[in-house]
Every structure is written in structure tokens, then in C-alpha cells.
Amino acid sequence: MQTESTIEEIKEDSKEEKELQRKKENNIKLYPIYKTLSWDLLFYYAIIYLFLTIEKGCSAAQVLKLDAFYILFKFCMQIPCTLLIQKIGKRKSLIVANLVLAIHILIIMFAIDFNMIIISQILCAFSFIVKGTCETDMLYDSLEHGEKRGVIFAKIDGKATSKYYYIDAISAVLSGFLFVVNHYIPMILCFVILLISLVLSLKFEEVHTEKGKMQIKEEIKNIKFGFKSIWQSKRLKSLLIFNAIFIGIIKILQNIRNTILLEIGVPEQYFGIIIAIFGIVLGITAKNQGRIHKKYHNKTLTVISLPFVISFIMVGTILLCNFSKPVTITLVLIFFAIQHAVRGPYYVLIKQYMNNFTNSEKRIKIATVNNLIENIVASILVFGASYMVDVLPIAYTTIIIGCISTVCFILLLDHMRGTVGLKPEEYSKKEIL
């Protein structure tokens, strides 16, 4: 009887292992399709500045403040979102996030004043916190443990990110011309894509058992403990601070880029084409993130960050010079292209660097700490930039931002020499989470 019982238990365990393996394989196959369509908002970024300023009557400073509010909301909602993920699981959280993100687009479309648009950013913040925490983990949790796990993750995620950029480029071209036909068409298409993302998220399968009921106080204590242990890692601390500043500068760029394009006389219908070209540049460099990392190793973040911030100074300088309109447009677009080229591999590589030497539980805590720091620092930077845009010409604003960020990155990169990019055996036990 005992032997039969043991055999039954082995068979049951075998069934569970096969079912778990099936779920993992399903997630691995689904992830590239999902991310290609769902990583960010398609048919949106090429025209949202124009939509808000022309259709909704917002000023350039208000649009920048709107982005700052969005980032601030992400900071405030980070812990509640983390608690939600811990309670209902990553899959269900991802489904809710995609649904809420679709609703946020509807609110923007039907908004009658600036306050309603701010409300939409609360929903948007919630959605992207959950998506940012859960999406990559759906893939990472499904990959087999081993030394090459991070490399395999980066390869799959990098290809999906690259494909997203290509599709984003196509949608940007279309949205630019469709906006001229009717301001609402690109927003409607964005909404439709989000509904498709919602359907795709339903097909993911949870590979970790859900925790069920939990005590909020106990969970907050666990998060605090996680924060404390993570903050003891000099490697992670350096990466978290670096990422927060870099993301803040990217958010500023996304807004003042459109202001600059309008100021130098680029027609509205060509916004989509220009942003599409930038998207192609992003896609090419994102796809080659592995080669970039192999070539530069621990100098990769230096190669990415310094050209990015120095190009701000160059753009501002060009705006102050009395070049002809064609020359000004050409030079500005070249430096914007450089900014997008170095941005391409950044998102994939920074995730890889942060996820190294971790497990699933630690990655959630790292993502939480990263989002909190990223959002508070980025919101401060964007609010500051919005007030500068209000009182200074865009050329001076761009130069000041470039100078300040260049100094910050030089100092930070110098500090990171002894904390990031070392061999595994060179790290202390505190660094291996």
C-alpha cells in the first residue's frame, strides 16, 4: 500500500511539473507577441503633444507639468500597486492594468478641462506601475534557472522591444497624417490596440501560486525589509540612482522635443514621420543591445549616457545660432537621432543589470524600489523643467538641462567604477541578493 501511494505521489508530482512546464512555455511564446503590441502606447506619442495643445488647449508648460504629475502619481501609488500584485498575482494584476489603461485613453478623449486629463494620468500611472513590475517577470519567471538565464531574457526581451519600436514607427507615421484628417483617429486606434493587449494578457498563465489573503501591515514590513536589504547593495544603489536621473531626462526630452520641432517650423503632419524615424533608430539599437554590452562591458552606461546629455547642449546651442531653417532642422534632427540611438538598448540593459544575482521575490522588491526612486526623482526634474519652460526660451532651457545632467552623470559614473560592472566573484555577499 505504501509503495502504491508513493507511486501515485510521484505520478501526481510529474503531472504538476509537466503542467508547470507547459505554462512556462506558453508564457515564453506569448511574451514577444504581447510586448510587441503592449510595451507602450501605439498611435499616441507622435500626436499627444499636438492633441493636448491644439484639441484640448493646453500650453507647453502644462503638458510638461502633466507628465510631472503622472510621474508623481506613480511614486504615490507604487506601494499600493505592489500590495495588489502580491495579493492577486502577476497575471491578474496585468489584466487589470491593461483594462485601466484603455479607460485612461477614453478619459483623455472626452476630457473637458485640464483637471480631467490629470485624473486620466492617475489611471495611467497605476497601469504602468503594474505593467512595469509584472510584464518582464512573466518572462523571467518562465525561464529555466541557470547562468544563461539573464542572457536568454535579454535576447528575447531585446527582440520584442526592437519589434515594438518598428511597429511604433509605422503607427507614428500613420498617426501624424491621420491627425491632420481628424484629431481623434489616432487616439481611437490607440484604444483599439489597448483592447488587443487586454485580450493577450488574458492568455498568460501564473507560474507561482497566489498568496491569497494577506495582512497589509505585514506586507509593508516585508517591503521595508526588502528595501533595507537592497539599499545595502552598493551595486543596486548606484544603478537605481543612475536610472532615476536618466529616466527623468528622457521624460523631459519627450516633451521639449515637440516644443523645439514646432519652434523651428516643422509642419504638424511630419511629426509622425520624424518620430517614426527615431523609432526605427531605437529599434535597431535595442536589437543590438547584446553586441553593445559585449563591446563596452562595464563602460556601456557611460557610452549611453554622456552622448545623450551632451546632445542637449548641442541642440540648445544650435537654436541660438542664426542658421538657415533647413540647416537648423537638419542639425537638430541629427542630435535628436543620437539621443534615440543611445536610448534604444538602455531599457533592456538596465533591467538585465538590476536582475542579475536575484530571484523572483527579490526582483519584485527591486522593481518596487526602482519605481519609487525613479518616480520621485523624475517628477522633481520634470516639474523643474516645466517651470523653466514657463520663464525661459526653449534654447536656454535645453542648454541648462544639458549642462546640469552632464555634470551629474560624470560624477555618478566616476562613483560607479568600483560598484557596477565587476565580475561575480569580485562582489561581496551583500551584493548577491
Protein backbone atom coordinates (compact mmCIF):
# COMPACT_ATOMS: atom_id res chain seq x y z
CA MET A 1 0.00 0.00 0.00
CA GLN A 2 2.80 2.39 0.89
CA THR A 3 4.59 1.62 -2.39
CA GLU A 4 1.39 2.27 -4.40
CA SER A 5 0.85 5.53 -2.52
CA THR A 6 4.42 6.60 -3.27
CA ILE A 7 3.97 5.79 -6.98
CA GLU A 8 0.75 7.83 -7.07
CA GLU A 9 2.51 10.78 -5.43
CA ILE A 10 5.35 10.57 -7.98
CA LYS A 11 2.81 10.48 -10.83
CA GLU A 12 0.99 13.47 -9.34
CA ASP A 13 4.24 15.39 -8.96
CA SER A 14 5.13 14.52 -12.55
CA LYS A 15 1.77 15.86 -13.78
CA GLU A 16 2.26 19.08 -11.85
CA GLU A 17 5.76 19.51 -13.26
CA LYS A 18 4.52 18.93 -16.81
CA GLU A 19 1.67 21.39 -16.29
CA LEU A 20 4.07 23.98 -14.86
CA GLN A 21 6.42 23.45 -17.82
CA ARG A 22 3.51 23.88 -20.23
CA LYS A 23 2.56 27.17 -18.56
CA LYS A 24 6.14 28.42 -18.76
CA GLU A 25 6.43 27.50 -22.46
CA ASN A 26 3.12 29.25 -23.16
CA ASN A 27 4.33 32.43 -21.45
CA ILE A 28 7.65 32.35 -23.31
CA LYS A 29 5.85 32.03 -26.68
CA LEU A 30 3.25 34.67 -25.83
CA TYR A 31 5.60 37.26 -24.34
CA PRO A 32 7.24 38.51 -27.59
CA ILE A 33 3.81 38.96 -29.25
CA TYR A 34 2.41 40.69 -26.19
CA LYS A 35 5.33 43.05 -25.69
CA THR A 36 5.49 43.95 -29.38
CA LEU A 37 1.98 45.41 -29.11
CA SER A 38 1.75 46.28 -25.44
CA TRP A 39 5.05 47.64 -24.15
CA ASP A 40 3.85 51.20 -24.55
CA LEU A 41 1.11 53.24 -26.22
CA LEU A 42 0.99 52.93 -30.01
CA PHE A 43 -0.53 55.74 -32.16
CA TYR A 44 -0.05 58.01 -29.13
CA TYR A 45 3.29 59.72 -28.64
CA ALA A 46 3.61 61.19 -32.13
CA ILE A 47 0.44 63.23 -31.69
CA ILE A 48 -0.35 63.54 -27.96
CA TYR A 49 1.50 66.85 -27.62
CA LEU A 50 -0.41 68.22 -30.62
CA PHE A 51 -3.67 66.71 -29.35
CA LEU A 52 -3.32 68.32 -25.93
CA THR A 53 -2.15 71.74 -27.19
CA ILE A 54 -4.42 72.04 -30.25
CA GLU A 55 -7.51 69.98 -29.40
CA LYS A 56 -7.57 70.42 -25.61
CA GLY A 57 -5.98 73.91 -25.42
CA CYS A 58 -3.08 73.09 -23.07
CA SER A 59 0.13 75.17 -23.02
CA ALA A 60 3.62 73.66 -23.46
CA ALA A 61 4.32 74.13 -19.74
CA GLN A 62 1.00 72.44 -18.84
CA VAL A 63 1.88 69.41 -20.97
CA LEU A 64 5.22 69.13 -19.18
CA LYS A 65 3.50 69.53 -15.79
CA LEU A 66 1.05 66.82 -16.82
CA ASP A 67 3.96 64.45 -17.31
CA ALA A 68 5.36 65.51 -13.94
CA PHE A 69 2.02 64.77 -12.25
CA TYR A 70 1.96 61.37 -13.95
CA ILE A 71 5.38 60.51 -12.55
CA LEU A 72 4.40 61.81 -9.10
CA PHE A 73 1.26 59.65 -9.16
CA LYS A 74 3.45 56.66 -9.99
CA PHE A 75 5.50 57.40 -6.88
CA CYS A 76 2.42 57.67 -4.64
CA MET A 77 0.81 54.50 -5.98
CA GLN A 78 3.87 52.26 -6.07
CA ILE A 79 3.37 50.51 -2.72
CA PRO A 80 -0.42 50.03 -3.14
CA CYS A 81 0.22 48.52 -6.57
CA THR A 82 2.90 46.24 -5.17
CA LEU A 83 0.47 45.06 -2.49
CA LEU A 84 -2.13 44.37 -5.18
CA ILE A 85 0.37 42.30 -7.19
CA GLN A 86 1.37 40.34 -4.09
CA LYS A 87 -2.29 39.63 -3.31
CA ILE A 88 -3.83 38.69 -6.66
CA GLY A 89 -0.75 37.59 -8.62
CA LYS A 90 1.07 38.98 -11.63
CA ARG A 91 -1.29 37.66 -14.30
CA LYS A 92 -4.49 39.12 -12.81
CA SER A 93 -2.72 42.37 -12.00
CA LEU A 94 -1.57 42.65 -15.62
CA ILE A 95 -5.13 42.10 -16.88
CA VAL A 96 -6.46 44.85 -14.60
CA ALA A 97 -3.66 47.20 -15.68
CA ASN A 98 -4.42 46.79 -19.39
CA LEU A 99 -8.13 47.40 -18.78
CA VAL A 100 -7.47 50.57 -16.74
CA LEU A 101 -5.03 51.83 -19.38
CA ALA A 102 -7.72 51.57 -22.05
CA ILE A 103 -10.13 53.54 -19.83
CA HIS A 104 -7.50 56.27 -19.35
CA ILE A 105 -7.41 56.89 -23.13
CA LEU A 106 -11.19 57.31 -23.17
CA ILE A 107 -10.97 59.92 -20.39
CA ILE A 108 -8.38 61.94 -22.36
CA MET A 109 -10.58 61.81 -25.45
CA PHE A 110 -13.67 63.04 -23.61
CA ALA A 111 -11.91 65.45 -21.21
CA ILE A 112 -13.45 68.90 -20.99
CA ASP A 113 -10.73 70.54 -18.88
CA PHE A 114 -7.17 70.10 -17.61
CA ASN A 115 -8.33 68.53 -14.33
CA MET A 116 -9.95 65.60 -16.17
CA ILE A 117 -6.71 64.99 -18.03
CA ILE A 118 -4.87 64.92 -14.70
CA ILE A 119 -7.33 62.26 -13.49
CA SER A 120 -6.51 60.19 -16.57
CA GLN A 121 -2.86 60.29 -15.53
CA ILE A 122 -3.72 58.68 -12.18
CA LEU A 123 -5.11 55.68 -14.08
CA CYS A 124 -2.16 55.72 -16.46
CA ALA A 125 0.27 55.74 -13.53
CA PHE A 126 -1.45 52.75 -11.92
CA SER A 127 -1.37 50.80 -15.17
CA PHE A 128 2.28 51.36 -15.99
CA ILE A 129 3.43 50.60 -12.43
CA VAL A 130 1.74 47.22 -12.61
CA LYS A 131 2.89 46.58 -16.18
CA GLY A 132 6.44 47.63 -15.36
CA THR A 133 6.56 45.26 -12.40
CA CYS A 134 4.80 42.25 -13.92
CA GLU A 135 5.49 42.13 -17.65
CA THR A 136 9.18 41.25 -17.69
CA ASP A 137 8.73 38.97 -14.68
CA MET A 138 6.14 36.92 -16.63
CA LEU A 139 9.01 36.04 -18.93
CA TYR A 140 11.80 35.86 -16.32
CA ASP A 141 9.79 33.53 -14.06
CA SER A 142 9.17 31.20 -17.02
CA LEU A 143 12.84 30.81 -17.95
CA GLU A 144 14.89 27.96 -16.52
CA HIS A 145 17.32 28.86 -13.75
CA GLY A 146 20.94 28.93 -14.79
CA GLU A 147 23.92 31.08 -15.65
CA LYS A 148 22.50 32.00 -19.08
CA ARG A 149 19.08 32.98 -17.75
CA GLY A 150 19.83 36.71 -17.86
CA VAL A 151 21.32 36.44 -21.35
CA ILE A 152 18.30 34.49 -22.67
CA PHE A 153 15.96 37.01 -21.06
CA ALA A 154 17.82 39.92 -22.65
CA LYS A 155 17.77 38.20 -26.05
CA ILE A 156 14.01 37.53 -26.04
CA ASP A 157 13.14 40.87 -24.46
CA GLY A 158 15.51 42.75 -26.77
CA LYS A 159 13.95 41.26 -29.92
CA ALA A 160 10.44 42.03 -28.68
CA THR A 161 11.45 45.59 -27.78
CA SER A 162 13.01 46.02 -31.20
CA LYS A 163 9.82 44.83 -32.94
CA TYR A 164 7.79 47.22 -30.80
CA TYR A 165 9.92 50.14 -31.98
CA TYR A 166 9.37 49.17 -35.62
CA ILE A 167 5.59 48.94 -35.17
CA ASP A 168 5.68 52.17 -33.19
CA ALA A 169 7.47 53.79 -36.13
CA ILE A 170 4.73 52.69 -38.54
CA SER A 171 2.00 53.84 -36.17
CA ALA A 172 3.78 57.19 -35.72
CA VAL A 173 3.79 57.86 -39.48
CA LEU A 174 0.12 56.95 -39.76
CA SER A 175 -0.91 58.92 -36.68
CA GLY A 176 0.78 62.08 -37.96
CA PHE A 177 -1.22 62.11 -41.19
CA LEU A 178 -4.41 60.78 -39.57
CA PHE A 179 -4.23 63.59 -37.00
CA VAL A 180 -4.45 66.13 -39.83
CA VAL A 181 -7.58 64.34 -41.11
CA ASN A 182 -9.19 64.13 -37.67
CA HIS A 183 -7.55 64.76 -34.31
CA TYR A 184 -9.32 61.80 -32.69
CA ILE A 185 -8.48 58.99 -35.15
CA PRO A 186 -5.02 58.19 -33.66
CA MET A 187 -6.48 58.14 -30.14
CA ILE A 188 -9.20 55.70 -31.25
CA LEU A 189 -6.58 53.41 -32.81
CA CYS A 190 -4.55 53.59 -29.59
CA PHE A 191 -7.65 52.49 -27.67
CA VAL A 192 -8.20 49.53 -30.04
CA ILE A 193 -4.60 48.34 -29.61
CA LEU A 194 -5.04 48.50 -25.83
CA LEU A 195 -8.10 46.26 -26.11
CA ILE A 196 -5.98 43.76 -28.07
CA SER A 197 -3.35 43.96 -25.31
CA LEU A 198 -6.06 43.18 -22.78
CA VAL A 199 -7.06 40.04 -24.69
CA LEU A 200 -3.41 38.92 -24.96
CA SER A 201 -2.83 39.42 -21.23
CA LEU A 202 -5.72 37.03 -20.54
CA LYS A 203 -3.69 34.27 -22.21
CA PHE A 204 -0.75 34.49 -19.76
CA GLU A 205 -0.63 31.82 -17.03
CA GLU A 206 0.56 32.22 -13.45
CA VAL A 207 3.59 30.07 -12.67
CA HIS A 208 3.72 30.95 -8.98
CA THR A 209 0.94 30.18 -6.52
CA GLU A 210 -1.01 33.20 -5.34
CA LYS A 211 -0.66 34.24 -1.73
CA GLY A 212 -4.37 34.82 -1.21
CA LYS A 213 -5.33 36.84 1.87
CA MET A 214 -2.60 38.89 3.40
CA GLN A 215 -2.07 41.38 6.16
CA ILE A 216 -1.22 44.80 4.74
CA LYS A 217 0.91 45.74 7.76
CA GLU A 218 2.85 42.51 7.45
CA GLU A 219 3.35 43.02 3.73
CA ILE A 220 4.58 46.59 4.25
CA LYS A 221 7.06 45.26 6.82
CA ASN A 222 8.28 42.74 4.24
CA ILE A 223 8.68 45.50 1.66
CA LYS A 224 10.58 47.68 4.15
CA PHE A 225 12.86 44.76 4.91
CA GLY A 226 13.37 44.27 1.20
CA PHE A 227 14.15 47.97 0.75
CA LYS A 228 16.70 47.83 3.54
CA SER A 229 18.48 44.76 2.16
CA ILE A 230 18.50 46.15 -1.38
CA TRP A 231 19.77 49.55 -0.23
CA GLN A 232 22.75 47.81 1.40
CA SER A 233 23.89 46.75 -2.06
CA LYS A 234 26.23 49.41 -3.45
CA ARG A 235 25.79 47.97 -6.94
CA LEU A 236 21.99 48.23 -6.89
CA LYS A 237 22.04 51.62 -5.16
CA SER A 238 24.23 53.05 -7.92
CA LEU A 239 22.04 51.55 -10.65
CA LEU A 240 18.84 52.81 -9.01
CA ILE A 241 20.12 56.40 -8.74
CA PHE A 242 21.54 56.33 -12.27
CA ASN A 243 18.27 55.03 -13.69
CA ALA A 244 16.16 57.61 -11.84
CA ILE A 245 18.13 60.53 -13.28
CA PHE A 246 18.31 59.03 -16.77
CA ILE A 247 14.55 58.37 -16.93
CA GLY A 248 13.87 61.92 -15.71
CA ILE A 249 15.98 63.34 -18.54
CA ILE A 250 14.19 61.08 -21.06
CA LYS A 251 10.80 62.37 -19.86
CA ILE A 252 11.98 65.96 -20.26
CA LEU A 253 13.28 65.18 -23.76
CA GLN A 254 9.96 63.68 -24.88
CA ASN A 255 8.20 66.95 -24.11
CA ILE A 256 10.67 69.66 -25.10
CA ARG A 257 11.46 67.76 -28.33
CA ASN A 258 7.96 68.53 -29.61
CA THR A 259 8.20 72.16 -28.48
CA ILE A 260 11.50 72.51 -30.33
CA LEU A 261 10.12 70.90 -33.51
CA LEU A 262 7.25 73.39 -33.57
CA GLU A 263 9.56 76.32 -32.83
CA ILE A 264 11.92 75.52 -35.73
CA GLY A 265 8.94 75.28 -38.09
CA VAL A 266 8.32 71.55 -38.64
CA PRO A 267 4.76 71.04 -40.05
CA GLU A 268 2.38 69.00 -37.87
CA GLN A 269 1.87 66.24 -40.45
CA TYR A 270 5.61 65.48 -40.45
CA PHE A 271 5.76 64.88 -36.69
CA GLY A 272 4.75 61.26 -37.23
CA ILE A 273 7.42 60.67 -39.89
CA ILE A 274 10.16 62.19 -37.72
CA ILE A 275 9.15 60.20 -34.65
CA ALA A 276 8.88 57.08 -36.82
CA ILE A 277 12.48 57.52 -37.96
CA PHE A 278 13.51 57.91 -34.33
CA GLY A 279 11.55 54.72 -33.59
CA ILE A 280 13.50 52.82 -36.25
CA VAL A 281 16.74 54.08 -34.72
CA LEU A 282 15.53 52.90 -31.30
CA GLY A 283 14.59 49.52 -32.75
CA ILE A 284 17.97 48.95 -34.40
CA THR A 285 19.98 49.80 -31.30
CA ALA A 286 17.60 47.89 -28.98
CA LYS A 287 18.02 44.76 -31.11
CA ASN A 288 21.80 45.11 -30.89
CA GLN A 289 21.92 45.69 -27.13
CA GLY A 290 23.79 42.40 -26.68
CA ARG A 291 26.55 43.47 -29.07
CA ILE A 292 26.78 46.86 -27.41
CA HIS A 293 27.16 45.24 -23.99
CA LYS A 294 29.79 42.78 -25.26
CA LYS A 295 31.78 45.59 -26.86
CA TYR A 296 31.77 48.06 -23.99
CA HIS A 297 31.15 45.82 -20.92
CA ASN A 298 31.30 47.99 -17.78
CA LYS A 299 31.61 51.15 -19.89
CA THR A 300 28.20 50.61 -21.51
CA LEU A 301 26.31 53.07 -19.29
CA THR A 302 28.98 55.72 -19.96
CA VAL A 303 28.65 55.21 -23.73
CA ILE A 304 24.87 55.53 -23.43
CA SER A 305 24.52 58.44 -21.01
CA LEU A 306 27.17 61.01 -21.95
CA PRO A 307 26.28 61.37 -25.66
CA PHE A 308 22.63 61.57 -24.59
CA VAL A 309 23.04 64.55 -22.26
CA ILE A 310 25.76 66.37 -24.24
CA SER A 311 23.44 66.37 -27.25
CA PHE A 312 21.04 68.56 -25.20
CA ILE A 313 23.72 71.24 -25.02
CA MET A 314 24.33 70.96 -28.76
CA VAL A 315 20.62 71.30 -29.61
CA GLY A 316 20.27 74.38 -27.41
CA THR A 317 23.37 75.92 -28.98
CA ILE A 318 22.03 75.32 -32.50
CA LEU A 319 18.77 77.06 -31.57
CA LEU A 320 20.74 80.15 -30.50
CA CYS A 321 22.73 80.31 -33.74
CA ASN A 322 21.39 82.12 -36.78
CA PHE A 323 21.49 79.17 -39.14
CA SER A 324 19.05 78.92 -42.02
CA LYS A 325 15.84 76.97 -41.38
CA PRO A 326 16.92 73.84 -43.37
CA VAL A 327 20.32 73.73 -41.60
CA THR A 328 18.74 74.21 -38.16
CA ILE A 329 16.16 71.46 -38.75
CA THR A 330 18.81 69.05 -40.10
CA LEU A 331 21.24 69.58 -37.20
CA VAL A 332 18.51 69.37 -34.54
CA LEU A 333 17.17 66.13 -36.03
CA ILE A 334 20.68 64.61 -36.13
CA PHE A 335 21.21 65.24 -32.41
CA PHE A 336 17.71 64.00 -31.58
CA ALA A 337 18.56 60.83 -33.54
CA ILE A 338 21.71 60.40 -31.43
CA GLN A 339 19.62 60.69 -28.27
CA HIS A 340 17.25 57.98 -29.50
CA ALA A 341 20.11 55.75 -30.66
CA VAL A 342 21.63 55.56 -27.18
CA ARG A 343 18.18 55.19 -25.56
CA GLY A 344 17.40 52.06 -27.59
CA PRO A 345 19.47 49.50 -25.66
CA TYR A 346 19.11 51.24 -22.31
CA TYR A 347 15.75 49.84 -21.18
CA VAL A 348 16.76 46.23 -21.82
CA LEU A 349 20.27 46.52 -20.38
CA ILE A 350 19.27 48.31 -17.17
CA LYS A 351 16.71 45.56 -16.47
CA GLN A 352 19.38 42.93 -17.07
CA TYR A 353 21.86 44.68 -14.76
CA MET A 354 19.28 45.05 -11.97
CA ASN A 355 18.00 41.46 -12.29
CA ASN A 356 21.47 39.90 -12.08
CA PHE A 357 22.07 37.81 -8.90
CA THR A 358 18.35 37.83 -7.93
CA ASN A 359 15.33 35.53 -7.59
CA SER A 360 11.64 36.16 -8.37
CA GLU A 361 10.74 37.59 -4.95
CA LYS A 362 13.76 39.88 -4.89
CA ARG A 363 13.01 41.14 -8.40
CA ILE A 364 9.58 42.39 -7.31
CA LYS A 365 11.17 44.27 -4.41
CA ILE A 366 13.89 45.66 -6.67
CA ALA A 367 11.26 46.80 -9.19
CA THR A 368 9.34 48.48 -6.35
CA VAL A 369 12.39 50.33 -5.02
CA ASN A 370 13.42 51.28 -8.55
CA ASN A 371 9.97 52.67 -9.39
CA LEU A 372 9.77 54.66 -6.16
CA ILE A 373 13.17 56.29 -6.61
CA GLU A 374 12.72 56.72 -10.36
CA ASN A 375 9.36 58.42 -9.97
CA ILE A 376 10.19 60.84 -7.17
CA VAL A 377 13.46 61.93 -8.80
CA ALA A 378 11.96 62.13 -12.30
CA SER A 379 8.91 64.10 -11.11
CA ILE A 380 11.17 66.66 -9.40
CA LEU A 381 13.25 67.01 -12.57
CA VAL A 382 10.21 67.34 -14.86
CA PHE A 383 8.45 69.85 -12.57
CA GLY A 384 11.67 71.88 -12.55
CA ALA A 385 11.87 71.73 -16.35
CA SER A 386 8.23 72.81 -16.69
CA TYR A 387 8.86 75.97 -14.67
CA MET A 388 11.99 76.67 -16.73
CA VAL A 389 9.94 76.39 -19.94
CA ASP A 390 7.48 78.87 -18.45
CA VAL A 391 10.10 81.57 -17.80
CA LEU A 392 12.96 80.89 -20.23
CA PRO A 393 13.27 80.45 -24.00
CA ILE A 394 13.43 76.78 -25.01
CA ALA A 395 17.05 77.15 -26.21
CA TYR A 396 18.31 78.28 -22.79
CA THR A 397 16.20 75.63 -21.04
CA THR A 398 17.75 72.91 -23.19
CA ILE A 399 21.33 74.10 -22.58
CA ILE A 400 20.82 74.39 -18.81
CA ILE A 401 19.30 70.89 -18.62
CA GLY A 402 22.18 69.51 -20.70
CA CYS A 403 24.87 71.12 -18.56
CA ILE A 404 23.38 70.08 -15.22
CA SER A 405 22.72 66.48 -16.32
CA THR A 406 26.21 66.14 -17.87
CA VAL A 407 27.86 67.12 -14.58
CA CYS A 408 25.58 64.74 -12.64
CA PHE A 409 26.38 61.76 -14.87
CA ILE A 410 30.13 62.40 -14.87
CA LEU A 411 30.16 62.41 -11.06
CA LEU A 412 27.86 59.37 -10.81
CA LEU A 413 29.77 57.31 -13.39
CA ASP A 414 33.03 58.05 -11.59
CA HIS A 415 31.47 56.74 -8.35
CA MET A 416 30.11 53.63 -10.11
CA ARG A 417 33.54 52.41 -11.26
CA GLY A 418 34.01 50.37 -8.10
CA THR A 419 30.40 49.25 -7.63
CA VAL A 420 28.98 48.27 -11.06
CA GLY A 421 30.29 46.03 -13.85
CA LEU A 422 32.53 43.84 -11.71
CA LYS A 423 32.91 40.08 -12.05
CA PRO A 424 30.61 37.98 -9.77
CA GLU A 425 33.50 36.86 -7.58
CA GLU A 426 34.54 40.48 -7.02
CA TYR A 427 31.25 41.34 -5.28
CA SER A 428 30.72 40.90 -1.55
CA LYS A 429 27.91 38.70 -0.17
CA LYS A 430 25.72 41.77 0.38
CA GLU A 431 25.67 42.34 -3.39
CA ILE A 432 24.31 38.84 -4.13
CA LEU A 433 20.65 39.05 -3.27
